[in-house]
Amino acid sequence: MSEPALRAATPGDAAAIAAIWYPGWQDAHLGNVPDALLAVRTKESFGERAAERVVDPGTRTVVADAGSVAGFVMVVGDEVEQVYVSAAHRGSGVAKLLLAEAERLVAENGHPVAWLAVVAGNTRARRFYERQGWTDEGLFEHAAPHGDGPITVPAHRYVKPVRRAR
């Protein structure tokens, strides 16, 4: 594997992002979220959401490995909204690189603290964020976005102070 490099996503990355996002989301969420959310998070919905999101300014960083997408992160304001790595690249350091980039983007957006939501049953992700210096502030009712209105999902809110590079 070549050294991964960060770059902005392009519309041409949408299919690769969706191909990482859908199975990664299932790994983390099946059995951990309400049935109402499972019903709307279809494979097709991830393709649609990826196509919409790759053009959002400030929320479209991906990691490329030998020209292919190995993972992606989406940042909205002070929230690290999505962090996903392909199954083939898990344990390779790609997630750390993506998370560091997300923290940088939150700081660049002018926020002193970054936050993210992790469903309670996703212990792998929770351990990862804790190893990266994030603090679990406890359970809260996360409003998962959906076209017909948000769906409430019990999640843990993680936070981390971030600093703008000087």
N, C-alpha and C. Protein backbone atom coordinates (compact mmCIF):
# COMPACT_ATOMS: atom_id res chain seq x y z
N MET A 1 0.84 -1.17 0.00
CA MET A 1 0.00 0.00 0.00
C MET A 1 0.89 1.24 0.00
N SER A 2 0.54 2.19 -0.86
CA SER A 2 1.30 3.43 -0.90
C SER A 2 0.88 4.33 0.26
N GLU A 3 1.67 5.36 0.49
CA GLU A 3 1.37 6.31 1.56
C GLU A 3 0.06 7.03 1.23
N PRO A 4 -0.92 6.99 2.13
CA PRO A 4 -2.19 7.67 1.84
C PRO A 4 -2.00 9.19 1.84
N ALA A 5 -2.81 9.86 1.05
CA ALA A 5 -2.75 11.31 0.94
C ALA A 5 -4.16 11.88 1.02
N LEU A 6 -4.31 12.98 1.70
CA LEU A 6 -5.60 13.66 1.78
C LEU A 6 -5.83 14.49 0.54
N ARG A 7 -7.07 14.56 0.10
CA ARG A 7 -7.45 15.45 -0.99
C ARG A 7 -8.95 15.69 -0.90
N ALA A 8 -9.41 16.73 -1.53
CA ALA A 8 -10.84 17.03 -1.56
C ALA A 8 -11.53 16.01 -2.45
N ALA A 9 -12.71 15.63 -2.05
CA ALA A 9 -13.50 14.72 -2.87
C ALA A 9 -13.99 15.44 -4.12
N THR A 10 -14.28 14.67 -5.12
CA THR A 10 -14.85 15.20 -6.36
C THR A 10 -16.13 14.42 -6.64
N PRO A 11 -16.99 14.93 -7.50
CA PRO A 11 -18.19 14.17 -7.85
C PRO A 11 -17.88 12.76 -8.35
N GLY A 12 -16.71 12.58 -8.96
CA GLY A 12 -16.32 11.25 -9.42
C GLY A 12 -16.03 10.26 -8.29
N ASP A 13 -15.90 10.77 -7.05
CA ASP A 13 -15.65 9.91 -5.89
C ASP A 13 -16.93 9.40 -5.25
N ALA A 14 -18.08 9.90 -5.65
CA ALA A 14 -19.33 9.57 -4.96
C ALA A 14 -19.57 8.06 -4.89
N ALA A 15 -19.37 7.34 -5.97
CA ALA A 15 -19.62 5.89 -5.95
C ALA A 15 -18.67 5.17 -5.00
N ALA A 16 -17.41 5.57 -4.99
CA ALA A 16 -16.44 4.95 -4.09
C ALA A 16 -16.78 5.27 -2.63
N ILE A 17 -17.20 6.50 -2.36
CA ILE A 17 -17.59 6.87 -1.01
C ILE A 17 -18.79 6.05 -0.57
N ALA A 18 -19.79 5.94 -1.43
CA ALA A 18 -20.98 5.15 -1.09
C ALA A 18 -20.61 3.68 -0.85
N ALA A 19 -19.66 3.16 -1.62
CA ALA A 19 -19.23 1.77 -1.48
C ALA A 19 -18.52 1.52 -0.15
N ILE A 20 -17.94 2.55 0.44
CA ILE A 20 -17.32 2.46 1.77
C ILE A 20 -18.37 2.73 2.85
N TRP A 21 -19.18 3.74 2.61
CA TRP A 21 -20.13 4.23 3.61
C TRP A 21 -21.19 3.20 3.98
N TYR A 22 -21.84 2.59 2.98
CA TYR A 22 -22.94 1.67 3.26
C TYR A 22 -22.51 0.47 4.10
N PRO A 23 -21.51 -0.31 3.70
CA PRO A 23 -21.14 -1.45 4.55
C PRO A 23 -20.54 -1.02 5.88
N GLY A 24 -19.81 0.11 5.90
CA GLY A 24 -19.26 0.61 7.15
C GLY A 24 -20.36 1.03 8.11
N TRP A 25 -21.39 1.68 7.57
CA TRP A 25 -22.52 2.09 8.39
C TRP A 25 -23.23 0.86 8.95
N GLN A 26 -23.41 -0.15 8.12
CA GLN A 26 -24.06 -1.38 8.60
C GLN A 26 -23.24 -2.03 9.72
N ASP A 27 -21.92 -2.12 9.54
CA ASP A 27 -21.06 -2.70 10.58
C ASP A 27 -21.26 -2.00 11.92
N ALA A 28 -21.38 -0.68 11.89
CA ALA A 28 -21.46 0.11 13.12
C ALA A 28 -22.86 0.24 13.68
N HIS A 29 -23.88 0.11 12.84
CA HIS A 29 -25.22 0.47 13.27
C HIS A 29 -26.24 -0.67 13.38
N LEU A 30 -26.05 -1.76 12.64
CA LEU A 30 -27.04 -2.84 12.73
C LEU A 30 -27.12 -3.35 14.16
N GLY A 31 -28.33 -3.37 14.69
CA GLY A 31 -28.54 -3.79 16.07
C GLY A 31 -28.34 -2.68 17.08
N ASN A 32 -27.91 -1.50 16.62
CA ASN A 32 -27.61 -0.39 17.54
C ASN A 32 -28.48 0.84 17.33
N VAL A 33 -29.35 0.82 16.32
CA VAL A 33 -30.18 1.99 16.03
C VAL A 33 -31.63 1.54 15.87
N PRO A 34 -32.57 2.49 15.98
CA PRO A 34 -33.98 2.15 15.81
C PRO A 34 -34.29 1.61 14.41
N ASP A 35 -35.29 0.75 14.34
CA ASP A 35 -35.71 0.17 13.06
C ASP A 35 -36.09 1.24 12.04
N ALA A 36 -36.64 2.36 12.51
CA ALA A 36 -37.03 3.44 11.60
C ALA A 36 -35.82 3.96 10.82
N LEU A 37 -34.67 4.03 11.46
CA LEU A 37 -33.47 4.49 10.76
C LEU A 37 -32.96 3.43 9.80
N LEU A 38 -32.99 2.18 10.22
CA LEU A 38 -32.57 1.09 9.32
C LEU A 38 -33.41 1.08 8.05
N ALA A 39 -34.69 1.36 8.18
CA ALA A 39 -35.60 1.32 7.03
C ALA A 39 -35.25 2.37 5.98
N VAL A 40 -34.72 3.50 6.40
CA VAL A 40 -34.43 4.57 5.44
C VAL A 40 -32.97 4.60 4.99
N ARG A 41 -32.10 3.91 5.68
CA ARG A 41 -30.69 3.87 5.30
C ARG A 41 -30.43 2.67 4.39
N THR A 42 -31.02 2.73 3.21
CA THR A 42 -30.85 1.68 2.21
C THR A 42 -29.55 1.90 1.45
N LYS A 43 -29.13 0.89 0.73
CA LYS A 43 -27.92 1.01 -0.08
C LYS A 43 -28.05 2.18 -1.05
N GLU A 44 -29.20 2.32 -1.66
CA GLU A 44 -29.43 3.41 -2.60
C GLU A 44 -29.32 4.77 -1.93
N SER A 45 -29.79 4.86 -0.69
CA SER A 45 -29.75 6.15 0.00
C SER A 45 -28.32 6.62 0.22
N PHE A 46 -27.39 5.69 0.41
CA PHE A 46 -26.00 6.09 0.60
C PHE A 46 -25.40 6.61 -0.70
N GLY A 47 -25.80 6.03 -1.81
CA GLY A 47 -25.35 6.55 -3.10
C GLY A 47 -25.85 7.96 -3.34
N GLU A 48 -27.12 8.20 -3.01
CA GLU A 48 -27.71 9.52 -3.17
C GLU A 48 -27.04 10.54 -2.24
N ARG A 49 -26.86 10.15 -0.99
CA ARG A 49 -26.27 11.06 -0.02
C ARG A 49 -24.81 11.37 -0.37
N ALA A 50 -24.07 10.36 -0.82
CA ALA A 50 -22.67 10.59 -1.21
C ALA A 50 -22.60 11.57 -2.38
N ALA A 51 -23.47 11.41 -3.37
CA ALA A 51 -23.47 12.30 -4.53
C ALA A 51 -23.79 13.73 -4.11
N GLU A 52 -24.70 13.90 -3.15
CA GLU A 52 -25.04 15.24 -2.66
C GLU A 52 -23.88 15.85 -1.86
N ARG A 53 -23.23 15.04 -1.05
CA ARG A 53 -22.25 15.55 -0.09
C ARG A 53 -20.87 15.85 -0.68
N VAL A 54 -20.49 15.20 -1.76
CA VAL A 54 -19.15 15.45 -2.30
C VAL A 54 -19.00 16.87 -2.82
N VAL A 55 -20.08 17.57 -3.03
CA VAL A 55 -20.00 18.95 -3.53
C VAL A 55 -20.19 19.97 -2.42
N ASP A 56 -20.44 19.55 -1.18
CA ASP A 56 -20.58 20.49 -0.06
C ASP A 56 -19.21 21.07 0.29
N PRO A 57 -19.07 22.40 0.28
CA PRO A 57 -17.78 22.97 0.66
C PRO A 57 -17.46 22.69 2.12
N GLY A 58 -16.23 22.33 2.38
CA GLY A 58 -15.78 22.10 3.75
C GLY A 58 -16.15 20.77 4.34
N THR A 59 -16.81 19.90 3.58
CA THR A 59 -17.24 18.64 4.15
C THR A 59 -16.84 17.44 3.30
N ARG A 60 -15.82 17.60 2.48
CA ARG A 60 -15.59 16.55 1.49
C ARG A 60 -14.13 16.11 1.36
N THR A 61 -13.52 15.81 2.43
CA THR A 61 -12.15 15.32 2.37
C THR A 61 -12.13 13.81 2.28
N VAL A 62 -11.29 13.27 1.42
CA VAL A 62 -11.14 11.82 1.30
C VAL A 62 -9.67 11.47 1.41
N VAL A 63 -9.41 10.21 1.58
CA VAL A 63 -8.03 9.72 1.55
C VAL A 63 -7.89 8.86 0.32
N ALA A 64 -6.85 9.09 -0.44
CA ALA A 64 -6.61 8.28 -1.63
C ALA A 64 -5.42 7.37 -1.39
N ASP A 65 -5.54 6.13 -1.77
CA ASP A 65 -4.45 5.17 -1.67
C ASP A 65 -4.22 4.63 -3.08
N ALA A 66 -3.09 4.96 -3.65
CA ALA A 66 -2.76 4.54 -5.02
C ALA A 66 -3.89 4.91 -5.98
N GLY A 67 -4.47 6.10 -5.77
CA GLY A 67 -5.50 6.57 -6.67
C GLY A 67 -6.91 6.15 -6.31
N SER A 68 -7.09 5.23 -5.38
CA SER A 68 -8.43 4.81 -5.00
C SER A 68 -8.79 5.41 -3.64
N VAL A 69 -10.08 5.51 -3.39
CA VAL A 69 -10.56 6.08 -2.14
C VAL A 69 -10.46 5.01 -1.06
N ALA A 70 -9.73 5.32 0.01
CA ALA A 70 -9.56 4.39 1.13
C ALA A 70 -10.47 4.74 2.30
N GLY A 71 -10.96 5.98 2.34
CA GLY A 71 -11.84 6.43 3.41
C GLY A 71 -12.22 7.88 3.19
N PHE A 72 -13.12 8.36 4.03
CA PHE A 72 -13.56 9.74 3.88
C PHE A 72 -14.03 10.28 5.23
N VAL A 73 -14.08 11.60 5.30
CA VAL A 73 -14.59 12.29 6.47
C VAL A 73 -15.45 13.45 5.99
N MET A 74 -16.52 13.71 6.72
CA MET A 74 -17.39 14.85 6.42
C MET A 74 -17.52 15.69 7.66
N VAL A 75 -17.22 16.98 7.53
CA VAL A 75 -17.28 17.91 8.64
C VAL A 75 -18.30 18.99 8.31
N VAL A 76 -19.18 19.27 9.28
CA VAL A 76 -20.16 20.34 9.14
C VAL A 76 -20.04 21.24 10.36
N GLY A 77 -19.51 22.43 10.16
CA GLY A 77 -19.33 23.35 11.28
C GLY A 77 -18.37 22.77 12.30
N ASP A 78 -18.89 22.52 13.51
CA ASP A 78 -18.05 21.95 14.57
C ASP A 78 -18.25 20.45 14.74
N GLU A 79 -19.07 19.85 13.88
CA GLU A 79 -19.36 18.42 13.99
C GLU A 79 -18.55 17.59 12.99
N VAL A 80 -17.90 16.58 13.51
CA VAL A 80 -17.29 15.56 12.65
C VAL A 80 -18.44 14.59 12.39
N GLU A 81 -19.05 14.75 11.24
CA GLU A 81 -20.31 14.07 10.97
C GLU A 81 -20.13 12.62 10.51
N GLN A 82 -19.15 12.37 9.69
CA GLN A 82 -18.92 11.02 9.18
C GLN A 82 -17.42 10.75 9.12
N VAL A 83 -17.02 9.56 9.57
CA VAL A 83 -15.65 9.09 9.42
C VAL A 83 -15.75 7.62 9.07
N TYR A 84 -15.35 7.27 7.86
CA TYR A 84 -15.43 5.88 7.42
C TYR A 84 -14.18 5.49 6.66
N VAL A 85 -13.75 4.26 6.88
CA VAL A 85 -12.57 3.69 6.22
C VAL A 85 -13.01 2.37 5.59
N SER A 86 -12.53 2.10 4.39
CA SER A 86 -12.87 0.83 3.75
C SER A 86 -12.36 -0.33 4.60
N ALA A 87 -13.04 -1.46 4.51
CA ALA A 87 -12.65 -2.64 5.29
C ALA A 87 -11.20 -3.02 5.01
N ALA A 88 -10.77 -2.86 3.77
CA ALA A 88 -9.40 -3.23 3.38
C ALA A 88 -8.35 -2.33 4.02
N HIS A 89 -8.75 -1.14 4.46
CA HIS A 89 -7.78 -0.18 5.01
C HIS A 89 -7.90 0.02 6.52
N ARG A 90 -8.79 -0.73 7.15
CA ARG A 90 -8.91 -0.61 8.61
C ARG A 90 -7.62 -1.08 9.26
N GLY A 91 -7.20 -0.35 10.28
CA GLY A 91 -5.96 -0.69 10.98
C GLY A 91 -4.71 -0.18 10.30
N SER A 92 -4.86 0.58 9.22
CA SER A 92 -3.71 1.06 8.44
C SER A 92 -3.26 2.47 8.82
N GLY A 93 -4.01 3.14 9.69
CA GLY A 93 -3.69 4.52 10.03
C GLY A 93 -4.53 5.53 9.26
N VAL A 94 -5.33 5.06 8.32
CA VAL A 94 -6.16 5.97 7.53
C VAL A 94 -7.16 6.70 8.43
N ALA A 95 -7.77 5.99 9.37
CA ALA A 95 -8.76 6.63 10.25
C ALA A 95 -8.12 7.73 11.08
N LYS A 96 -6.91 7.53 11.57
CA LYS A 96 -6.22 8.57 12.35
C LYS A 96 -5.96 9.80 11.49
N LEU A 97 -5.55 9.57 10.25
CA LEU A 97 -5.29 10.66 9.33
C LEU A 97 -6.57 11.45 9.04
N LEU A 98 -7.66 10.73 8.81
CA LEU A 98 -8.94 11.38 8.55
C LEU A 98 -9.42 12.18 9.76
N LEU A 99 -9.30 11.60 10.94
CA LEU A 99 -9.76 12.28 12.15
C LEU A 99 -8.93 13.53 12.42
N ALA A 100 -7.64 13.45 12.22
CA ALA A 100 -6.79 14.63 12.38
C ALA A 100 -7.19 15.73 11.40
N GLU A 101 -7.52 15.34 10.18
CA GLU A 101 -7.97 16.32 9.19
C GLU A 101 -9.31 16.92 9.61
N ALA A 102 -10.20 16.11 10.14
CA ALA A 102 -11.49 16.62 10.61
C ALA A 102 -11.29 17.64 11.72
N GLU A 103 -10.41 17.33 12.65
CA GLU A 103 -10.12 18.25 13.75
C GLU A 103 -9.57 19.57 13.20
N ARG A 104 -8.70 19.47 12.22
CA ARG A 104 -8.13 20.66 11.59
C ARG A 104 -9.23 21.49 10.93
N LEU A 105 -10.15 20.83 10.24
CA LEU A 105 -11.24 21.55 9.56
C LEU A 105 -12.17 22.23 10.55
N VAL A 106 -12.47 21.57 11.67
CA VAL A 106 -13.32 22.19 12.69
C VAL A 106 -12.64 23.45 13.22
N ALA A 107 -11.35 23.36 13.52
CA ALA A 107 -10.61 24.53 14.00
C ALA A 107 -10.59 25.62 12.93
N GLU A 108 -10.37 25.23 11.68
CA GLU A 108 -10.35 26.19 10.58
C GLU A 108 -11.71 26.88 10.43
N ASN A 109 -12.79 26.16 10.79
CA ASN A 109 -14.13 26.74 10.75
C ASN A 109 -14.37 27.70 11.91
N GLY A 110 -13.36 27.86 12.80
CA GLY A 110 -13.45 28.83 13.89
C GLY A 110 -14.02 28.30 15.19
N HIS A 111 -14.11 26.98 15.31
CA HIS A 111 -14.68 26.39 16.52
C HIS A 111 -13.57 25.88 17.44
N PRO A 112 -13.68 26.13 18.75
CA PRO A 112 -12.66 25.67 19.69
C PRO A 112 -12.80 24.20 20.09
N VAL A 113 -13.99 23.63 19.87
CA VAL A 113 -14.25 22.24 20.26
C VAL A 113 -14.95 21.53 19.12
N ALA A 114 -14.49 20.33 18.82
CA ALA A 114 -15.14 19.47 17.83
C ALA A 114 -16.02 18.48 18.58
N TRP A 115 -17.07 18.01 17.92
CA TRP A 115 -17.90 16.99 18.54
C TRP A 115 -18.33 15.98 17.48
N LEU A 116 -18.72 14.81 17.95
CA LEU A 116 -19.25 13.77 17.08
C LEU A 116 -20.16 12.87 17.88
N ALA A 117 -21.02 12.17 17.19
CA ALA A 117 -21.97 11.24 17.82
C ALA A 117 -21.59 9.82 17.44
N VAL A 118 -21.65 8.92 18.43
CA VAL A 118 -21.37 7.50 18.20
C VAL A 118 -22.48 6.69 18.86
N VAL A 119 -23.13 5.80 18.10
CA VAL A 119 -24.17 4.98 18.72
C VAL A 119 -23.55 4.16 19.84
N ALA A 120 -24.33 3.97 20.88
CA ALA A 120 -23.83 3.33 22.10
C ALA A 120 -23.19 1.97 21.85
N GLY A 121 -23.75 1.18 20.98
CA GLY A 121 -23.25 -0.17 20.75
C GLY A 121 -22.01 -0.25 19.87
N ASN A 122 -21.55 0.86 19.33
CA ASN A 122 -20.38 0.85 18.46
C ASN A 122 -19.11 0.99 19.30
N THR A 123 -18.78 -0.08 20.00
CA THR A 123 -17.64 -0.03 20.93
C THR A 123 -16.31 0.14 20.21
N ARG A 124 -16.17 -0.40 19.01
CA ARG A 124 -14.91 -0.24 18.26
C ARG A 124 -14.63 1.24 18.01
N ALA A 125 -15.64 1.96 17.53
CA ALA A 125 -15.46 3.40 17.26
C ALA A 125 -15.23 4.17 18.55
N ARG A 126 -15.98 3.83 19.58
CA ARG A 126 -15.83 4.55 20.85
C ARG A 126 -14.41 4.39 21.39
N ARG A 127 -13.87 3.18 21.34
CA ARG A 127 -12.49 2.97 21.80
C ARG A 127 -11.51 3.76 20.94
N PHE A 128 -11.72 3.77 19.63
CA PHE A 128 -10.84 4.52 18.72
C PHE A 128 -10.82 6.00 19.09
N TYR A 129 -11.99 6.61 19.24
CA TYR A 129 -12.03 8.04 19.55
C TYR A 129 -11.38 8.33 20.89
N GLU A 130 -11.60 7.49 21.86
CA GLU A 130 -10.98 7.69 23.17
C GLU A 130 -9.45 7.61 23.07
N ARG A 131 -8.93 6.69 22.26
CA ARG A 131 -7.48 6.60 22.07
C ARG A 131 -6.92 7.84 21.38
N GLN A 132 -7.77 8.55 20.64
CA GLN A 132 -7.34 9.76 19.93
C GLN A 132 -7.55 11.03 20.76
N GLY A 133 -7.89 10.86 22.04
CA GLY A 133 -8.01 12.00 22.93
C GLY A 133 -9.39 12.62 23.03
N TRP A 134 -10.40 11.96 22.49
CA TRP A 134 -11.76 12.46 22.58
C TRP A 134 -12.37 12.04 23.91
N THR A 135 -13.28 12.87 24.43
CA THR A 135 -13.92 12.61 25.72
C THR A 135 -15.40 12.32 25.52
N ASP A 136 -15.87 11.24 26.14
CA ASP A 136 -17.29 10.87 26.10
C ASP A 136 -18.04 11.72 27.11
N GLU A 137 -18.94 12.57 26.62
CA GLU A 137 -19.77 13.39 27.51
C GLU A 137 -21.05 12.68 27.92
N GLY A 138 -21.26 11.46 27.44
CA GLY A 138 -22.44 10.70 27.83
C GLY A 138 -23.49 10.60 26.75
N LEU A 139 -24.56 9.92 27.11
CA LEU A 139 -25.65 9.69 26.17
C LEU A 139 -26.45 10.95 25.89
N PHE A 140 -26.95 11.05 24.65
CA PHE A 140 -27.86 12.11 24.26
C PHE A 140 -28.72 11.59 23.12
N GLU A 141 -29.76 12.30 22.80
CA GLU A 141 -30.66 11.92 21.72
C GLU A 141 -30.19 12.61 20.44
N HIS A 142 -29.53 11.84 19.58
CA HIS A 142 -29.01 12.39 18.32
C HIS A 142 -30.13 12.41 17.29
N ALA A 143 -30.25 13.49 16.55
CA ALA A 143 -31.26 13.62 15.50
C ALA A 143 -30.62 13.25 14.17
N ALA A 144 -30.78 11.99 13.76
CA ALA A 144 -30.22 11.53 12.49
C ALA A 144 -31.04 12.13 11.35
N PRO A 145 -30.38 12.82 10.42
CA PRO A 145 -31.13 13.48 9.36
C PRO A 145 -31.81 12.49 8.42
N HIS A 146 -33.00 12.89 8.00
CA HIS A 146 -33.77 12.12 7.02
C HIS A 146 -34.72 13.11 6.35
N GLY A 147 -35.02 12.87 5.09
CA GLY A 147 -35.87 13.78 4.32
C GLY A 147 -37.22 14.06 4.93
N ASP A 148 -37.82 13.10 5.61
CA ASP A 148 -39.14 13.28 6.23
C ASP A 148 -39.03 13.83 7.65
N GLY A 149 -37.85 14.18 8.07
CA GLY A 149 -37.63 14.69 9.43
C GLY A 149 -36.65 13.81 10.15
N PRO A 150 -35.95 14.35 11.13
CA PRO A 150 -34.92 13.58 11.83
C PRO A 150 -35.49 12.38 12.59
N ILE A 151 -34.64 11.38 12.74
CA ILE A 151 -34.97 10.18 13.50
C ILE A 151 -34.08 10.17 14.73
N THR A 152 -34.69 10.04 15.89
CA THR A 152 -33.95 10.08 17.15
C THR A 152 -33.20 8.77 17.37
N VAL A 153 -31.91 8.92 17.66
CA VAL A 153 -31.03 7.77 17.88
C VAL A 153 -30.24 8.00 19.17
N PRO A 154 -30.31 7.06 20.12
CA PRO A 154 -29.47 7.21 21.31
C PRO A 154 -28.00 7.07 20.92
N ALA A 155 -27.20 8.04 21.34
CA ALA A 155 -25.79 8.04 20.98
C ALA A 155 -24.98 8.68 22.11
N HIS A 156 -23.68 8.48 22.05
CA HIS A 156 -22.75 9.14 22.95
C HIS A 156 -22.19 10.36 22.22
N ARG A 157 -22.08 11.46 22.95
CA ARG A 157 -21.49 12.68 22.39
C ARG A 157 -20.03 12.73 22.84
N TYR A 158 -19.14 12.74 21.86
CA TYR A 158 -17.70 12.85 22.11
C TYR A 158 -17.26 14.25 21.73
N VAL A 159 -16.34 14.82 22.51
CA VAL A 159 -15.82 16.16 22.24
C VAL A 159 -14.30 16.16 22.35
N LYS A 160 -13.71 17.14 21.66
CA LYS A 160 -12.27 17.32 21.75
C LYS A 160 -11.94 18.78 21.44
N PRO A 161 -11.17 19.43 22.32
CA PRO A 161 -10.72 20.78 22.00
C PRO A 161 -9.79 20.73 20.76
N VAL A 162 -9.93 21.72 19.91
CA VAL A 162 -9.10 21.81 18.70
C VAL A 162 -8.53 23.21 18.62
N ARG A 163 -7.40 23.32 17.97
CA ARG A 163 -6.74 24.63 17.82
C ARG A 163 -6.43 24.88 16.36
N ARG A 164 -6.66 26.11 15.98
CA ARG A 164 -6.33 26.54 14.63
C ARG A 164 -4.81 26.60 14.49
N ALA A 165 -4.30 26.09 13.38
CA ALA A 165 -2.85 26.15 13.12
C ALA A 165 -2.43 27.60 12.99
N ARG A 166 -1.25 27.89 13.51
CA ARG A 166 -0.75 29.28 13.45
C ARG A 166 0.20 29.45 12.32
